[in-house]
């Protein structure tokens, strides 16, 4: 059992508030990583579009 988890009287594990915060932060990290991928793809696209060596 994790140190931040406790066992209630019915034997079920309860999560501490810190665990909930960690879950929120992990979801935010995933969201930011997806946004980064989108921005990276967009910057690649516009770099190709603005490349003066590219024939039109």
C-alpha atoms as a PDB file:
ATOM      1  CA  UNK A   1       0.000   0.000   0.000  1.00  0.00           C
ATOM      2  CA  UNK A   2       1.206   3.487  -0.851  1.00  0.00           C
ATOM      3  CA  UNK A   3       2.088   5.772   2.052  1.00  0.00           C
ATOM      4  CA  UNK A   4      -0.449   8.335   0.884  1.00  0.00           C
ATOM      5  CA  UNK A   5      -3.282   5.794   0.838  1.00  0.00           C
ATOM      6  CA  UNK A   6      -5.224   4.763   3.904  1.00  0.00           C
ATOM      7  CA  UNK A   7      -7.677   1.973   4.523  1.00  0.00           C
ATOM      8  CA  UNK A   8     -11.169   2.862   5.634  1.00  0.00           C
ATOM      9  CA  UNK A   9     -13.217   0.828   8.094  1.00  0.00           C
ATOM     10  CA  UNK A  10     -14.752  -1.196   5.261  1.00  0.00           C
ATOM     11  CA  UNK A  11     -11.317  -2.176   3.935  1.00  0.00           C
ATOM     12  CA  UNK A  12     -11.403   0.053   0.868  1.00  0.00           C
ATOM     13  CA  UNK A  13      -8.444   2.223   0.047  1.00  0.00           C
ATOM     14  CA  UNK A  14      -8.950   5.964   0.204  1.00  0.00           C
ATOM     15  CA  UNK A  15      -6.798   8.321  -1.772  1.00  0.00           C
ATOM     16  CA  UNK A  16      -5.248  11.316  -0.138  1.00  0.00           C
ATOM     17  CA  UNK A  17      -5.815  14.797  -1.601  1.00  0.00           C
ATOM     18  CA  UNK A  18      -2.244  14.731  -2.892  1.00  0.00           C
ATOM     19  CA  UNK A  19      -3.065  11.761  -5.116  1.00  0.00           C
ATOM     20  CA  UNK A  20      -5.980  13.654  -6.631  1.00  0.00           C
ATOM     21  CA  UNK A  21      -3.709  16.599  -7.330  1.00  0.00           C
ATOM     22  CA  UNK A  22      -1.165  14.299  -8.971  1.00  0.00           C
ATOM     23  CA  UNK A  23      -3.912  12.886 -11.221  1.00  0.00           C
ATOM     24  CA  UNK A  24      -4.958  16.405 -12.229  1.00  0.00           C
ATOM     25  CA  UNK A  25      -1.360  17.351 -12.978  1.00  0.00           C
ATOM     26  CA  UNK A  26      -0.794  14.199 -15.048  1.00  0.00           C
ATOM     27  CA  UNK A  27      -3.890  14.955 -17.132  1.00  0.00           C
ATOM     28  CA  UNK A  28      -2.645  18.529 -17.634  1.00  0.00           C
ATOM     29  CA  UNK A  29       0.766  17.254 -18.743  1.00  0.00           C
ATOM     30  CA  UNK A  30      -0.903  14.954 -21.286  1.00  0.00           C
ATOM     31  CA  UNK A  31      -2.997  17.833 -22.559  1.00  0.00           C
ATOM     32  CA  UNK A  32       0.054  20.082 -22.905  1.00  0.00           C
ATOM     33  CA  UNK A  33       1.980  17.355 -24.725  1.00  0.00           C
ATOM     34  CA  UNK A  34      -0.876  16.973 -27.242  1.00  0.00           C
ATOM     35  CA  UNK A  35      -0.991  20.740 -27.721  1.00  0.00           C
ATOM     36  CA  UNK A  36       2.771  20.776 -28.268  1.00  0.00           C
ATOM     37  CA  UNK A  37       2.437  18.123 -30.989  1.00  0.00           C
ATOM     38  CA  UNK A  38      -0.228  20.188 -32.732  1.00  0.00           C
ATOM     39  CA  UNK A  39       1.873  23.349 -32.558  1.00  0.00           C
ATOM     40  CA  UNK A  40       4.945  21.502 -33.813  1.00  0.00           C
ATOM     41  CA  UNK A  41       2.987  20.144 -36.784  1.00  0.00           C
ATOM     42  CA  UNK A  42       1.560  23.590 -37.530  1.00  0.00           C
ATOM     43  CA  UNK A  43       4.991  25.224 -37.414  1.00  0.00           C
ATOM     44  CA  UNK A  44       6.367  22.534 -39.760  1.00  0.00           C
ATOM     45  CA  UNK A  45       3.476  23.158 -42.140  1.00  0.00           C
ATOM     46  CA  UNK A  46       3.961  26.928 -42.205  1.00  0.00           C
ATOM     47  CA  UNK A  47       7.734  26.598 -42.522  1.00  0.00           C
ATOM     48  CA  UNK A  48       7.204  24.475 -45.650  1.00  0.00           C
ATOM     49  CA  UNK A  49       4.642  26.941 -47.014  1.00  0.00           C
ATOM     50  CA  UNK A  50       6.972  29.910 -46.532  1.00  0.00           C
ATOM     51  CA  UNK A  51      10.116  28.191 -47.829  1.00  0.00           C
ATOM     52  CA  UNK A  52      11.409  30.386 -50.683  1.00  0.00           C
ATOM     53  CA  UNK A  53      13.092  27.368 -52.330  1.00  0.00           C
ATOM     54  CA  UNK A  54       9.772  25.637 -52.700  1.00  0.00           C
ATOM     55  CA  UNK A  55       8.329  25.813 -56.210  1.00  0.00           C
ATOM     56  CA  UNK A  56       4.733  26.850 -56.526  1.00  0.00           C
END
